[in-house]
Each structure stands twice: as structure tokens, then as C-alpha cells.
Amino acid sequence: QQAIICQVCREPISPDRLDVFPSAKRC
């Protein structure tokens, strides 16, 4: 899957963070 991008800095959100917070919008 494509990386989910942070709304603020436009960097990819780490997969580890998305495992803990699946609906995270920010890094």
C-alpha cells in the first residue's frame, strides 16, 4: 500500500505509528 502522508509536513507516517493509531493524520 502507498504510504499515508502527514497533513502538516507531507512526510510519510511510519507504519509502526499506523499500527497503533490506524486513523492517524499526522506523524
PDB file of all heavy atoms in Angstrom:
ATOM      1  N   GLN A   1       0.829  -1.195   0.000  1.00  0.00           N
ATOM      2  CA  GLN A   1       0.000   0.000   0.000  1.00  0.00           C
ATOM      3  C   GLN A   1       0.871   1.256   0.000  1.00  0.00           C
ATOM      4  O   GLN A   1       1.992   1.248   0.488  1.00  0.00           O
ATOM      5  CB  GLN A   1      -0.900   0.029   1.230  1.00  0.00           C
ATOM      6  CG  GLN A   1      -2.029  -0.946   1.141  1.00  0.00           C
ATOM      7  CD  GLN A   1      -2.963  -0.825   2.320  1.00  0.00           C
ATOM      8  OE1 GLN A   1      -2.671  -0.103   3.263  1.00  0.00           O
ATOM      9  NE2 GLN A   1      -4.074  -1.518   2.268  1.00  0.00           N
ATOM     10  N   GLN A   2       0.322   2.320  -0.531  1.00  0.00           N
ATOM     11  CA  GLN A   2       1.039   3.582  -0.543  1.00  0.00           C
ATOM     12  C   GLN A   2       1.103   4.144   0.865  1.00  0.00           C
ATOM     13  O   GLN A   2       0.230   3.901   1.687  1.00  0.00           O
ATOM     14  CB  GLN A   2       0.347   4.580  -1.453  1.00  0.00           C
ATOM     15  CG  GLN A   2       0.438   4.205  -2.905  1.00  0.00           C
ATOM     16  CD  GLN A   2      -0.227   5.237  -3.779  1.00  0.00           C
ATOM     17  OE1 GLN A   2      -1.051   6.014  -3.326  1.00  0.00           O
ATOM     18  NE2 GLN A   2       0.123   5.242  -5.041  1.00  0.00           N
ATOM     19  N   ALA A   3       2.151   4.894   1.119  1.00  0.00           N
ATOM     20  CA  ALA A   3       2.330   5.489   2.442  1.00  0.00           C
ATOM     21  C   ALA A   3       1.266   6.551   2.685  1.00  0.00           C
ATOM     22  O   ALA A   3       0.833   7.248   1.780  1.00  0.00           O
ATOM     23  CB  ALA A   3       3.709   6.113   2.545  1.00  0.00           C
ATOM     24  N   ILE A   4       0.849   6.660   3.933  1.00  0.00           N
ATOM     25  CA  ILE A   4      -0.084   7.718   4.318  1.00  0.00           C
ATOM     26  C   ILE A   4       0.755   8.942   4.678  1.00  0.00           C
ATOM     27  O   ILE A   4       1.711   8.848   5.442  1.00  0.00           O
ATOM     28  CB  ILE A   4      -0.972   7.264   5.486  1.00  0.00           C
ATOM     29  CG1 ILE A   4      -1.853   6.107   5.017  1.00  0.00           C
ATOM     30  CG2 ILE A   4      -1.806   8.417   6.000  1.00  0.00           C
ATOM     31  CD1 ILE A   4      -2.736   5.528   6.070  1.00  0.00           C
ATOM     32  N   ILE A   5       0.401  10.075   4.122  1.00  0.00           N
ATOM     33  CA  ILE A   5       1.182  11.298   4.237  1.00  0.00           C
ATOM     34  C   ILE A   5       0.666  12.146   5.398  1.00  0.00           C
ATOM     35  O   ILE A   5      -0.539  12.297   5.580  1.00  0.00           O
ATOM     36  CB  ILE A   5       1.100  12.105   2.926  1.00  0.00           C
ATOM     37  CG1 ILE A   5       1.512  11.249   1.731  1.00  0.00           C
ATOM     38  CG2 ILE A   5       1.933  13.365   2.989  1.00  0.00           C
ATOM     39  CD1 ILE A   5       2.932  10.778   1.757  1.00  0.00           C
ATOM     40  N   CYS A   6       1.589  12.716   6.167  1.00  0.00           N
ATOM     41  CA  CYS A   6       1.252  13.626   7.261  1.00  0.00           C
ATOM     42  C   CYS A   6       0.598  14.881   6.682  1.00  0.00           C
ATOM     43  O   CYS A   6       1.063  15.426   5.678  1.00  0.00           O
ATOM     44  CB  CYS A   6       2.513  13.991   8.039  1.00  0.00           C
ATOM     45  SG  CYS A   6       2.268  15.224   9.334  1.00  0.00           S
ATOM     46  N   GLN A   7      -0.470  15.357   7.310  1.00  0.00           N
ATOM     47  CA  GLN A   7      -1.177  16.537   6.828  1.00  0.00           C
ATOM     48  C   GLN A   7      -0.351  17.808   6.950  1.00  0.00           C
ATOM     49  O   GLN A   7      -0.572  18.757   6.212  1.00  0.00           O
ATOM     50  CB  GLN A   7      -2.466  16.747   7.622  1.00  0.00           C
ATOM     51  CG  GLN A   7      -3.548  15.773   7.322  1.00  0.00           C
ATOM     52  CD  GLN A   7      -4.783  16.030   8.168  1.00  0.00           C
ATOM     53  OE1 GLN A   7      -4.714  16.679   9.203  1.00  0.00           O
ATOM     54  NE2 GLN A   7      -5.912  15.506   7.724  1.00  0.00           N
ATOM     55  N   VAL A   8       0.602  17.819   7.863  1.00  0.00           N
ATOM     56  CA  VAL A   8       1.343  19.046   8.130  1.00  0.00           C
ATOM     57  C   VAL A   8       2.647  19.098   7.349  1.00  0.00           C
ATOM     58  O   VAL A   8       2.883  19.994   6.555  1.00  0.00           O
ATOM     59  CB  VAL A   8       1.608  19.192   9.642  1.00  0.00           C
ATOM     60  CG1 VAL A   8       2.414  20.427   9.932  1.00  0.00           C
ATOM     61  CG2 VAL A   8       0.295  19.228  10.402  1.00  0.00           C
ATOM     62  N   CYS A   9       3.532  18.113   7.561  1.00  0.00           N
ATOM     63  CA  CYS A   9       4.871  18.174   6.965  1.00  0.00           C
ATOM     64  C   CYS A   9       4.985  17.427   5.645  1.00  0.00           C
ATOM     65  O   CYS A   9       6.022  17.474   5.000  1.00  0.00           O
ATOM     66  CB  CYS A   9       5.911  17.647   7.953  1.00  0.00           C
ATOM     67  SG  CYS A   9       5.767  15.881   8.297  1.00  0.00           S
ATOM     68  N   ARG A  10       3.943  16.713   5.240  1.00  0.00           N
ATOM     69  CA  ARG A  10       3.892  15.979   3.975  1.00  0.00           C
ATOM     70  C   ARG A  10       4.924  14.860   3.898  1.00  0.00           C
ATOM     71  O   ARG A  10       5.328  14.453   2.829  1.00  0.00           O
ATOM     72  CB  ARG A  10       4.069  16.897   2.776  1.00  0.00           C
ATOM     73  CG  ARG A  10       3.053  17.990   2.683  1.00  0.00           C
ATOM     74  CD  ARG A  10       1.722  17.444   2.811  1.00  0.00           C
ATOM     75  NE  ARG A  10       0.841  17.795   1.723  1.00  0.00           N
ATOM     76  CZ  ARG A  10      -0.392  17.366   1.680  1.00  0.00           C
ATOM     77  NH1 ARG A  10      -0.837  16.598   2.597  1.00  0.00           N
ATOM     78  NH2 ARG A  10      -1.176  17.704   0.705  1.00  0.00           N
ATOM     79  N   GLU A  11       5.385  14.352   5.028  1.00  0.00           N
ATOM     80  CA  GLU A  11       6.274  13.195   5.089  1.00  0.00           C
ATOM     81  C   GLU A  11       5.430  11.956   5.366  1.00  0.00           C
ATOM     82  O   GLU A  11       4.374  12.050   5.990  1.00  0.00           O
ATOM     83  CB  GLU A  11       7.314  13.380   6.199  1.00  0.00           C
ATOM     84  CG  GLU A  11       8.302  14.499   5.938  1.00  0.00           C
ATOM     85  CD  GLU A  11       9.194  14.220   4.752  1.00  0.00           C
ATOM     86  OE1 GLU A  11       9.629  13.053   4.589  1.00  0.00           O
ATOM     87  OE2 GLU A  11       9.449  15.143   3.982  1.00  0.00           O
ATOM     88  N   PRO A  12       5.892  10.767   4.937  1.00  0.00           N
ATOM     89  CA  PRO A  12       5.126   9.552   5.218  1.00  0.00           C
ATOM     90  C   PRO A  12       5.056   9.268   6.719  1.00  0.00           C
ATOM     91  O   PRO A  12       6.029   9.447   7.451  1.00  0.00           O
ATOM     92  CB  PRO A  12       5.902   8.447   4.513  1.00  0.00           C
ATOM     93  CG  PRO A  12       6.813   9.135   3.562  1.00  0.00           C
ATOM     94  CD  PRO A  12       7.051  10.509   4.089  1.00  0.00           C
ATOM     95  N   ILE A  13       3.890   8.817   7.182  1.00  0.00           N
ATOM     96  CA  ILE A  13       3.713   8.421   8.574  1.00  0.00           C
ATOM     97  C   ILE A  13       4.250   7.003   8.713  1.00  0.00           C
ATOM     98  O   ILE A  13       3.973   6.150   7.880  1.00  0.00           O
ATOM     99  CB  ILE A  13       2.230   8.493   8.978  1.00  0.00           C
ATOM    100  CG1 ILE A  13       1.715   9.928   8.810  1.00  0.00           C
ATOM    101  CG2 ILE A  13       2.024   8.006  10.395  1.00  0.00           C
ATOM    102  CD1 ILE A  13       0.224  10.076   9.037  1.00  0.00           C
ATOM    103  N   SER A  14       5.016   6.758   9.766  1.00  0.00           N
ATOM    104  CA  SER A  14       5.657   5.450   9.929  1.00  0.00           C
ATOM    105  C   SER A  14       4.606   4.354  10.106  1.00  0.00           C
ATOM    106  O   SER A  14       3.572   4.564  10.742  1.00  0.00           O
ATOM    107  CB  SER A  14       6.603   5.470  11.129  1.00  0.00           C
ATOM    108  OG  SER A  14       5.862   5.528  12.319  1.00  0.00           O
ATOM    109  N   PRO A  15       4.865   3.174   9.546  1.00  0.00           N
ATOM    110  CA  PRO A  15       3.921   2.055   9.682  1.00  0.00           C
ATOM    111  C   PRO A  15       3.707   1.650  11.138  1.00  0.00           C
ATOM    112  O   PRO A  15       2.618   1.199  11.501  1.00  0.00           O
ATOM    113  CB  PRO A  15       4.578   0.924   8.896  1.00  0.00           C
ATOM    114  CG  PRO A  15       5.540   1.586   7.973  1.00  0.00           C
ATOM    115  CD  PRO A  15       5.965   2.841   8.652  1.00  0.00           C
ATOM    116  N   ASP A  16       4.732   1.808  11.985  1.00  0.00           N
ATOM    117  CA  ASP A  16       4.581   1.475  13.399  1.00  0.00           C
ATOM    118  C   ASP A  16       3.530   2.369  14.058  1.00  0.00           C
ATOM    119  O   ASP A  16       2.721   1.907  14.855  1.00  0.00           O
ATOM    120  CB  ASP A  16       5.912   1.623  14.136  1.00  0.00           C
ATOM    121  CG  ASP A  16       6.955   0.649  13.623  1.00  0.00           C
ATOM    122  OD1 ASP A  16       6.556  -0.414  13.094  1.00  0.00           O
ATOM    123  OD2 ASP A  16       8.152   0.952  13.747  1.00  0.00           O
ATOM    124  N   ARG A  17       3.548   3.651  13.713  1.00  0.00           N
ATOM    125  CA  ARG A  17       2.550   4.584  14.263  1.00  0.00           C
ATOM    126  C   ARG A  17       1.156   4.225  13.765  1.00  0.00           C
ATOM    127  O   ARG A  17       0.182   4.268  14.514  1.00  0.00           O
ATOM    128  CB  ARG A  17       2.902   6.021  13.892  1.00  0.00           C
ATOM    129  CG  ARG A  17       1.871   7.038  14.372  1.00  0.00           C
ATOM    130  CD  ARG A  17       2.384   8.451  14.241  1.00  0.00           C
ATOM    131  NE  ARG A  17       1.370   9.439  14.504  1.00  0.00           N
ATOM    132  CZ  ARG A  17       0.920   9.764  15.719  1.00  0.00           C
ATOM    133  NH1 ARG A  17       1.419   9.170  16.782  1.00  0.00           N
ATOM    134  NH2 ARG A  17      -0.008  10.686  15.868  1.00  0.00           N
ATOM    135  N   LEU A  18       1.057   3.839  12.488  1.00  0.00           N
ATOM    136  CA  LEU A  18      -0.246   3.484  11.937  1.00  0.00           C
ATOM    137  C   LEU A  18      -0.780   2.182  12.513  1.00  0.00           C
ATOM    138  O   LEU A  18      -1.992   1.972  12.562  1.00  0.00           O
ATOM    139  CB  LEU A  18      -0.155   3.406  10.415  1.00  0.00           C
ATOM    140  CG  LEU A  18       0.063   4.744   9.720  1.00  0.00           C
ATOM    141  CD1 LEU A  18       0.327   4.542   8.246  1.00  0.00           C
ATOM    142  CD2 LEU A  18      -1.122   5.659   9.933  1.00  0.00           C
ATOM    143  N   ASP A  19       0.113   1.285  12.961  1.00  0.00           N
ATOM    144  CA  ASP A  19      -0.339   0.064  13.625  1.00  0.00           C
ATOM    145  C   ASP A  19      -1.013   0.394  14.952  1.00  0.00           C
ATOM    146  O   ASP A  19      -2.022  -0.206  15.309  1.00  0.00           O
ATOM    147  CB  ASP A  19       0.827  -0.889  13.877  1.00  0.00           C
ATOM    148  CG  ASP A  19       1.309  -1.551  12.594  1.00  0.00           C
ATOM    149  OD1 ASP A  19       0.539  -1.553  11.608  1.00  0.00           O
ATOM    150  OD2 ASP A  19       2.442  -2.064  12.592  1.00  0.00           O
ATOM    151  N   VAL A  20      -0.452   1.373  15.667  1.00  0.00           N
ATOM    152  CA  VAL A  20      -1.004   1.764  16.962  1.00  0.00           C
ATOM    153  C   VAL A  20      -2.216   2.685  16.780  1.00  0.00           C
ATOM    154  O   VAL A  20      -3.238   2.520  17.448  1.00  0.00           O
ATOM    155  CB  VAL A  20       0.077   2.460  17.822  1.00  0.00           C
ATOM    156  CG1 VAL A  20      -0.510   2.944  19.136  1.00  0.00           C
ATOM    157  CG2 VAL A  20       1.236   1.519  18.068  1.00  0.00           C
ATOM    158  N   PHE A  21      -2.093   3.681  15.884  1.00  0.00           N
ATOM    159  CA  PHE A  21      -3.163   4.643  15.617  1.00  0.00           C
ATOM    160  C   PHE A  21      -3.541   4.561  14.138  1.00  0.00           C
ATOM    161  O   PHE A  21      -3.011   5.324  13.318  1.00  0.00           O
ATOM    162  CB  PHE A  21      -2.719   6.065  15.949  1.00  0.00           C
ATOM    163  CG  PHE A  21      -2.257   6.260  17.355  1.00  0.00           C
ATOM    164  CD1 PHE A  21      -0.909   6.414  17.646  1.00  0.00           C
ATOM    165  CD2 PHE A  21      -3.168   6.278  18.393  1.00  0.00           C
ATOM    166  CE1 PHE A  21      -0.475   6.593  18.940  1.00  0.00           C
ATOM    167  CE2 PHE A  21      -2.744   6.459  19.696  1.00  0.00           C
ATOM    168  CZ  PHE A  21      -1.397   6.607  19.971  1.00  0.00           C
ATOM    169  N   PRO A  22      -4.442   3.670  13.747  1.00  0.00           N
ATOM    170  CA  PRO A  22      -4.761   3.490  12.322  1.00  0.00           C
ATOM    171  C   PRO A  22      -5.346   4.727  11.649  1.00  0.00           C
ATOM    172  O   PRO A  22      -5.201   4.902  10.455  1.00  0.00           O
ATOM    173  CB  PRO A  22      -5.781   2.356  12.310  1.00  0.00           C
ATOM    174  CG  PRO A  22      -5.774   1.765  13.655  1.00  0.00           C
ATOM    175  CD  PRO A  22      -5.166   2.750  14.592  1.00  0.00           C
ATOM    176  N   SER A  23      -5.995   5.601  12.397  1.00  0.00           N
ATOM    177  CA  SER A  23      -6.598   6.784  11.787  1.00  0.00           C
ATOM    178  C   SER A  23      -5.733   8.032  11.958  1.00  0.00           C
ATOM    179  O   SER A  23      -6.234   9.149  11.840  1.00  0.00           O
ATOM    180  CB  SER A  23      -7.985   7.031  12.383  1.00  0.00           C
ATOM    181  OG  SER A  23      -7.870   7.292  13.768  1.00  0.00           O
ATOM    182  N   ALA A  24      -4.440   7.845  12.216  1.00  0.00           N
ATOM    183  CA  ALA A  24      -3.539   8.990  12.423  1.00  0.00           C
ATOM    184  C   ALA A  24      -3.422   9.816  11.148  1.00  0.00           C
ATOM    185  O   ALA A  24      -3.263   9.282  10.060  1.00  0.00           O
ATOM    186  CB  ALA A  24      -2.157   8.503  12.852  1.00  0.00           C
ATOM    187  N   LYS A  25      -3.509  11.127  11.293  1.00  0.00           N
ATOM    188  CA  LYS A  25      -3.385  12.058  10.173  1.00  0.00           C
ATOM    189  C   LYS A  25      -2.064  12.815  10.209  1.00  0.00           C
ATOM    190  O   LYS A  25      -1.723  13.498   9.258  1.00  0.00           O
ATOM    191  CB  LYS A  25      -4.522  13.087  10.204  1.00  0.00           C
ATOM    192  CG  LYS A  25      -5.877  12.487  10.138  1.00  0.00           C
ATOM    193  CD  LYS A  25      -6.158  12.008   8.768  1.00  0.00           C
ATOM    194  CE  LYS A  25      -7.594  11.509   8.703  1.00  0.00           C
ATOM    195  NZ  LYS A  25      -7.828  10.713   7.555  1.00  0.00           N
ATOM    196  N   ARG A  26      -1.349  12.721  11.331  1.00  0.00           N
ATOM    197  CA  ARG A  26      -0.081  13.431  11.493  1.00  0.00           C
ATOM    198  C   ARG A  26       1.007  12.468  11.931  1.00  0.00           C
ATOM    199  O   ARG A  26       0.725  11.490  12.620  1.00  0.00           O
ATOM    200  CB  ARG A  26      -0.208  14.532  12.546  1.00  0.00           C
ATOM    201  CG  ARG A  26      -1.170  15.624  12.168  1.00  0.00           C
ATOM    202  CD  ARG A  26      -1.227  16.679  13.229  1.00  0.00           C
ATOM    203  NE  ARG A  26      -2.113  17.763  12.823  1.00  0.00           N
ATOM    204  CZ  ARG A  26      -2.253  18.866  13.488  1.00  0.00           C
ATOM    205  NH1 ARG A  26      -1.589  19.073  14.599  1.00  0.00           N
ATOM    206  NH2 ARG A  26      -3.067  19.797  13.061  1.00  0.00           N
ATOM    207  N   CYS A  27       2.245  12.773  11.562  1.00  0.00           N
ATOM    208  CA  CYS A  27       3.373  11.966  12.026  1.00  0.00           C
ATOM    209  C   CYS A  27       3.594  12.247  13.517  1.00  0.00           C
ATOM    210  O   CYS A  27       3.010  13.171  14.082  1.00  0.00           O
ATOM    211  CB  CYS A  27       4.624  12.277  11.210  1.00  0.00           C
ATOM    212  SG  CYS A  27       5.255  13.947  11.408  1.00  0.00           S
TER     213      CYS A  27
END
